Amino acid sequence: MSEPTGAARRRGPFKVGDQVQLTDPKGRHYTFTLEEGKNFHTHKGSFPHDELIGAPEGSVVRTTGNVAYLALRPLLPDYVLSMPRGAAVVYPKDAGQILAFADIFPGARVVEAGVGSGSLSSFLLRAIGDSGMLHSYERREDFAEIAKGNVERYFGGPHPAWQLTVGDLQDNLTDTDVDRVILDMLAPWECLEAVSKSLVPGGILCCYVATTTQLARTVESIREIGCYAEPQPWESMIRNWHVEGLAVRPDHRMIGHTGFLVTARRLADGVEPPMRRRRPAKGAYGDDYEGPNKG
């Protein structure tokens, strides 16, 4: 049985072509690709790549300036934060939430709109595996090229489960029996009618938006289209902690707001969503309110 795409690059001794992440004594990271006969240079000296080729992951190398660096392969969260960018990347904290709450499983058939720099595509491909299908749509050709390079660099070549289309989702979507749809775009409500026809009953729609106005319109549009169970919106934040002896305290900086996530389950055709038990407060919808698509 052959290994899944990219698995061989994640284990064993360092090989030519592997990416290496060095960590210096101050915790700073430096990422490069191993090449025979090359040297890695810093302001603290240099060392030959050949020192790491064939060495086990977790080795320590010293530069000519006698500074020690820990050598490990970069994790996917490290990789996506350092990859070349065309558009902003989906941060690992949000990608992890998408994988969990959109229930991305091995073999899933997934449609993604808004590829950006390929961050979320890499997470999705690793989750669905070679037997799944990820069809990504990106409006801008320059972003698509950057994303393609980033994804192939991470997996060591083209991924057999990935198809990338340049163009608008609503104009090009032909996929059927889709298990999951991920919309990372400015106006996901414009694509709801198209993706709803492709999603299987019980399938999950997941939208990633940046602002409260986008969040409100997305949620109301999902309710209005009438073929989804009640949408669930949320955001996540990460705060690291400093632990050093008796000095145990939260870090002064944290990863705060990056975006909002909304998930909703596709109902069977012809089924009306159950009425919500919790009604909005009086005044939540004024007399002049005509729905999220007004104007």
Protein backbone atom coordinates (compact mmCIF):
# COMPACT_ATOMS: atom_id res chain seq x y z
CA MET A 1 0.00 0.00 0.00
CA SER A 2 1.50 3.32 -1.07
CA GLU A 3 1.92 6.17 1.38
CA PRO A 4 -0.49 9.12 1.24
CA THR A 5 0.74 12.10 -0.76
CA GLY A 6 3.29 14.08 1.22
CA ALA A 7 3.62 11.56 4.09
CA ALA A 8 7.18 10.57 3.19
CA ARG A 9 8.22 14.22 3.56
CA ARG A 10 6.97 14.29 7.16
CA ARG A 11 9.10 11.52 8.72
CA GLY A 12 12.55 9.95 8.73
CA PRO A 13 16.00 11.56 8.41
CA PHE A 14 16.36 14.85 6.58
CA LYS A 15 16.63 14.46 2.78
CA VAL A 16 17.57 16.73 -0.09
CA GLY A 17 14.51 18.82 -0.95
CA ASP A 18 13.09 18.72 2.59
CA GLN A 19 12.10 21.96 4.25
CA VAL A 20 13.88 22.65 7.53
CA GLN A 21 12.85 25.04 10.26
CA LEU A 22 15.68 26.27 12.47
CA THR A 23 14.97 27.73 15.91
CA ASP A 24 17.61 29.98 17.46
CA PRO A 25 18.21 30.50 21.22
CA LYS A 26 15.71 33.40 21.22
CA GLY A 27 12.96 31.28 19.65
CA ARG A 28 13.15 32.88 16.20
CA HIS A 29 12.45 30.66 13.20
CA TYR A 30 14.33 30.36 9.90
CA THR A 31 13.00 28.12 7.11
CA PHE A 32 14.92 26.86 4.08
CA THR A 33 15.09 23.91 1.67
CA LEU A 34 17.96 21.42 1.92
CA GLU A 35 20.32 21.35 -1.06
CA GLU A 36 23.59 19.48 -1.45
CA GLY A 37 26.68 21.67 -1.30
CA LYS A 38 24.82 24.77 -0.11
CA ASN A 39 25.43 26.76 3.10
CA PHE A 40 22.93 28.37 5.44
CA HIS A 41 24.02 31.88 6.44
CA THR A 42 22.98 34.09 9.35
CA HIS A 43 24.53 37.10 11.06
CA LYS A 44 25.72 34.56 13.66
CA GLY A 45 27.72 32.49 11.18
CA SER A 46 26.95 29.66 8.76
CA PHE A 47 26.87 25.87 8.42
CA PRO A 48 26.67 23.50 5.42
CA HIS A 49 23.35 21.90 4.46
CA ASP A 50 25.23 18.59 4.21
CA GLU A 51 25.46 18.58 8.00
CA LEU A 52 21.72 18.02 8.19
CA ILE A 53 21.23 15.73 5.17
CA GLY A 54 20.83 12.24 6.62
CA ALA A 55 20.57 13.54 10.19
CA PRO A 56 17.47 12.74 12.30
CA GLU A 57 14.82 15.37 12.81
CA GLY A 58 15.34 17.15 16.12
CA SER A 59 19.10 17.52 15.60
CA VAL A 60 21.08 20.55 16.79
CA VAL A 61 23.59 22.23 14.49
CA ARG A 62 26.15 24.93 15.32
CA THR A 63 27.21 27.77 13.08
CA THR A 64 30.77 28.96 12.59
CA GLY A 65 29.91 31.53 15.27
CA ASN A 66 29.18 28.67 17.73
CA VAL A 67 25.44 29.43 17.92
CA ALA A 68 23.19 26.37 18.32
CA TYR A 69 20.06 25.93 16.18
CA LEU A 70 17.38 23.26 16.65
CA ALA A 71 16.44 21.67 13.30
CA LEU A 72 12.91 20.34 12.73
CA ARG A 73 10.56 20.07 9.79
CA PRO A 74 8.06 22.96 9.85
CA LEU A 75 4.56 21.97 10.90
CA LEU A 76 1.76 22.91 8.52
CA PRO A 77 0.76 25.85 10.80
CA ASP A 78 4.36 27.09 10.60
CA TYR A 79 4.46 26.59 6.84
CA VAL A 80 1.30 28.54 6.03
CA LEU A 81 2.41 31.52 8.10
CA SER A 82 5.72 31.74 6.24
CA MET A 83 4.54 30.85 2.71
CA PRO A 84 4.62 33.42 -0.12
CA ARG A 85 1.35 35.35 -0.11
CA GLY A 86 -0.88 36.76 -2.76
CA ALA A 87 -3.89 37.23 -0.49
CA ALA A 88 -4.15 36.96 3.29
CA VAL A 89 -3.93 33.40 4.59
CA VAL A 90 -6.51 31.57 6.70
CA TYR A 91 -4.81 31.41 10.09
CA PRO A 92 -4.19 27.98 11.63
CA LYS A 93 -6.62 28.70 14.47
CA ASP A 94 -9.42 29.22 11.94
CA ALA A 95 -8.33 26.35 9.69
CA GLY A 96 -8.46 24.03 12.71
CA GLN A 97 -11.98 25.22 13.54
CA ILE A 98 -13.07 24.66 9.94
CA LEU A 99 -11.66 21.12 9.87
CA ALA A 100 -13.43 20.29 13.15
CA PHE A 101 -16.79 22.03 12.86
CA ALA A 102 -17.23 21.52 9.11
CA ASP A 103 -16.42 17.87 9.90
CA ILE A 104 -13.88 17.38 7.11
CA PHE A 105 -13.30 13.62 6.85
CA PRO A 106 -11.04 11.30 4.78
CA GLY A 107 -12.55 10.82 1.34
CA ALA A 108 -14.85 13.86 1.59
CA ARG A 109 -15.90 15.73 -1.54
CA VAL A 110 -15.26 19.40 -0.82
CA VAL A 111 -15.77 22.62 -2.79
CA GLU A 112 -13.76 25.67 -1.73
CA ALA A 113 -14.19 29.20 -3.06
CA GLY A 114 -11.55 31.84 -2.42
CA VAL A 115 -8.20 30.01 -2.50
CA GLY A 116 -6.09 33.03 -1.61
CA SER A 117 -2.55 31.81 -0.96
CA GLY A 118 -3.43 28.11 -0.54
CA SER A 119 -3.36 27.93 3.26
CA LEU A 120 -6.80 26.38 3.79
CA SER A 121 -6.40 24.23 0.65
CA SER A 122 -3.34 22.58 2.24
CA PHE A 123 -5.24 21.82 5.47
CA LEU A 124 -8.24 20.47 3.55
CA LEU A 125 -6.15 18.26 1.27
CA ARG A 126 -4.31 16.72 4.20
CA ALA A 127 -7.65 15.99 5.90
CA ILE A 128 -9.49 14.45 2.92
CA GLY A 129 -6.49 12.41 1.74
CA ASP A 130 -5.82 11.00 -1.72
CA SER A 131 -9.27 9.38 -1.93
CA GLY A 132 -11.17 12.64 -1.43
CA MET A 133 -11.89 15.51 -3.81
CA LEU A 134 -11.16 19.20 -3.31
CA HIS A 135 -12.30 21.52 -6.09
CA SER A 136 -11.04 25.04 -5.40
CA TYR A 137 -12.26 28.14 -7.21
CA GLU A 138 -10.29 31.38 -7.33
CA ARG A 139 -11.31 34.50 -9.26
CA ARG A 140 -7.79 35.91 -9.62
CA GLU A 141 -5.27 34.03 -11.75
CA ASP A 142 -2.28 35.53 -9.91
CA PHE A 143 -3.60 34.30 -6.55
CA ALA A 144 -4.29 30.87 -8.06
CA GLU A 145 -0.69 30.59 -9.28
CA ILE A 146 0.72 31.50 -5.86
CA ALA A 147 -1.63 29.02 -4.16
CA LYS A 148 -0.69 26.26 -6.59
CA GLY A 149 3.01 26.78 -5.90
CA ASN A 150 2.50 26.81 -2.13
CA VAL A 151 0.38 23.65 -2.08
CA GLU A 152 2.72 21.71 -4.38
CA ARG A 153 5.76 22.85 -2.40
CA TYR A 154 4.23 21.50 0.81
CA PHE A 155 3.15 18.13 -0.62
CA GLY A 156 6.23 17.70 -2.83
CA GLY A 157 4.26 17.87 -6.08
CA PRO A 158 0.66 17.95 -7.41
CA HIS A 159 -1.94 16.46 -5.07
CA PRO A 160 -4.14 13.82 -6.76
CA ALA A 161 -7.29 15.01 -4.96
CA TRP A 162 -6.98 18.68 -5.95
CA GLN A 163 -8.56 20.54 -8.85
CA LEU A 164 -8.07 24.30 -9.16
CA THR A 165 -10.34 26.42 -11.37
CA VAL A 166 -9.80 30.11 -12.12
CA GLY A 167 -13.14 31.88 -12.27
CA ASP A 168 -16.27 32.74 -10.28
CA LEU A 169 -17.80 29.86 -8.36
CA GLN A 170 -21.39 30.64 -9.34
CA ASP A 171 -20.46 30.71 -13.03
CA ASN A 172 -18.30 27.57 -13.08
CA LEU A 173 -19.68 25.20 -10.43
CA THR A 174 -20.59 21.83 -11.96
CA ASP A 175 -19.77 19.53 -9.03
CA THR A 176 -22.59 17.39 -7.67
CA ASP A 177 -23.03 15.30 -4.51
CA VAL A 178 -20.67 17.58 -2.58
CA ASP A 179 -20.25 16.81 1.13
CA ARG A 180 -18.84 20.15 2.27
CA VAL A 181 -18.67 23.70 0.87
CA ILE A 182 -16.21 26.27 2.27
CA LEU A 183 -16.71 29.90 1.20
CA ASP A 184 -13.86 32.28 2.03
CA MET A 185 -14.91 35.32 0.05
CA LEU A 186 -16.21 38.87 0.26
CA ALA A 187 -19.88 38.08 -0.47
CA PRO A 188 -20.65 34.39 0.22
CA TRP A 189 -24.40 35.08 0.02
CA GLU A 190 -24.03 35.51 -3.75
CA CYS A 191 -23.09 31.82 -4.06
CA LEU A 192 -25.72 30.26 -1.78
CA GLU A 193 -28.15 29.31 -4.54
CA ALA A 194 -25.42 27.62 -6.61
CA VAL A 195 -23.78 25.67 -3.78
CA SER A 196 -27.12 24.62 -2.29
CA LYS A 197 -27.85 22.67 -5.48
CA SER A 198 -24.53 20.83 -5.17
CA LEU A 199 -24.61 19.96 -1.46
CA VAL A 200 -25.97 16.59 -0.40
CA PRO A 201 -28.69 16.48 2.29
CA GLY A 202 -26.90 16.73 5.63
CA GLY A 203 -23.89 18.37 3.97
CA ILE A 204 -22.23 21.33 5.65
CA LEU A 205 -21.84 24.87 4.40
CA CYS A 206 -19.06 26.85 6.12
CA CYS A 207 -18.50 30.56 5.49
CA TYR A 208 -15.47 32.57 6.61
CA VAL A 209 -15.99 36.36 6.73
CA ALA A 210 -14.07 39.24 8.24
CA THR A 211 -16.58 41.86 9.41
CA THR A 212 -19.77 42.03 11.47
CA THR A 213 -21.76 43.40 8.52
CA GLN A 214 -20.67 40.43 6.38
CA LEU A 215 -21.52 38.08 9.24
CA ALA A 216 -25.03 39.50 9.65
CA ARG A 217 -25.82 39.36 5.94
CA THR A 218 -24.41 35.83 5.60
CA VAL A 219 -26.49 34.46 8.49
CA GLU A 220 -29.68 36.18 7.35
CA SER A 221 -29.16 35.01 3.76
CA ILE A 222 -28.73 31.40 4.88
CA ARG A 223 -31.98 31.66 6.84
CA GLU A 224 -33.77 33.30 3.93
CA ILE A 225 -32.83 30.70 1.32
CA GLY A 226 -34.77 28.18 3.40
CA CYS A 227 -32.91 24.91 2.77
CA TYR A 228 -30.60 24.92 5.80
CA ALA A 229 -30.96 24.25 9.49
CA GLU A 230 -30.28 27.21 11.80
CA PRO A 231 -26.79 28.65 11.03
CA GLN A 232 -24.19 28.74 13.81
CA PRO A 233 -21.86 31.78 13.88
CA TRP A 234 -18.77 32.16 16.11
CA GLU A 235 -15.17 33.34 16.34
CA SER A 236 -12.13 32.04 18.22
CA MET A 237 -9.18 33.69 19.91
CA ILE A 238 -5.86 32.28 21.14
CA ARG A 239 -3.85 33.49 24.12
CA ASN A 240 -0.53 31.84 24.91
CA TRP A 241 0.85 31.62 28.45
CA HIS A 242 4.29 32.34 29.86
CA VAL A 243 5.39 29.55 32.22
CA GLU A 244 8.79 30.02 33.85
CA GLY A 245 9.17 28.74 37.42
CA LEU A 246 6.74 30.70 39.59
CA ALA A 247 6.11 33.23 36.82
CA VAL A 248 2.93 31.82 35.30
CA ARG A 249 0.88 34.43 33.46
CA PRO A 250 -0.86 35.07 30.15
CA ASP A 251 1.22 36.59 27.36
CA HIS A 252 0.70 40.28 26.75
CA ARG A 253 -0.10 39.63 23.09
CA MET A 254 -2.67 37.25 21.65
CA ILE A 255 -4.15 36.21 18.32
CA GLY A 256 -7.45 38.03 18.55
CA HIS A 257 -10.03 38.57 15.82
CA THR A 258 -9.12 37.19 12.41
CA GLY A 259 -12.55 36.30 11.08
CA PHE A 260 -16.02 34.93 11.79
CA LEU A 261 -17.13 31.41 10.92
CA VAL A 262 -20.67 30.29 10.11
CA THR A 263 -21.78 26.69 9.58
CA ALA A 264 -25.16 25.35 8.49
CA ARG A 265 -26.49 21.88 7.59
CA ARG A 266 -28.27 21.26 4.28
CA LEU A 267 -31.82 20.01 4.66
CA ALA A 268 -33.45 17.41 2.43
CA ASP A 269 -35.21 18.84 -0.63
CA GLY A 270 -38.72 20.06 0.12
CA VAL A 271 -38.19 20.21 3.87
CA GLU A 272 -38.82 23.45 5.72
CA PRO A 273 -36.45 24.37 8.57
CA PRO A 274 -38.00 24.04 12.06
CA MET A 275 -39.02 27.33 13.62
CA ARG A 276 -36.42 28.75 15.98
CA ARG A 277 -37.32 28.52 19.67
CA ARG A 278 -35.51 31.74 20.54
CA ARG A 279 -37.10 34.71 18.83
CA PRO A 280 -35.18 37.93 18.32
CA ALA A 281 -35.80 40.76 20.76
CA LYS A 282 -38.44 43.34 19.88
CA GLY A 283 -36.89 45.93 17.63
CA ALA A 284 -34.27 43.57 16.18
CA TYR A 285 -36.09 43.91 12.86
CA GLY A 286 -37.57 47.33 12.24
CA ASP A 287 -40.78 47.98 10.32
CA ASP A 288 -38.77 48.88 7.24
CA TYR A 289 -36.64 45.67 7.29
CA GLU A 290 -36.98 43.76 4.01
CA GLY A 291 -34.39 41.01 4.44
CA PRO A 292 -30.62 40.74 4.00
CA ASN A 293 -30.70 41.32 0.25
CA LYS A 294 -32.39 44.71 0.45
CA GLY A 295 -30.69 47.13 -1.91
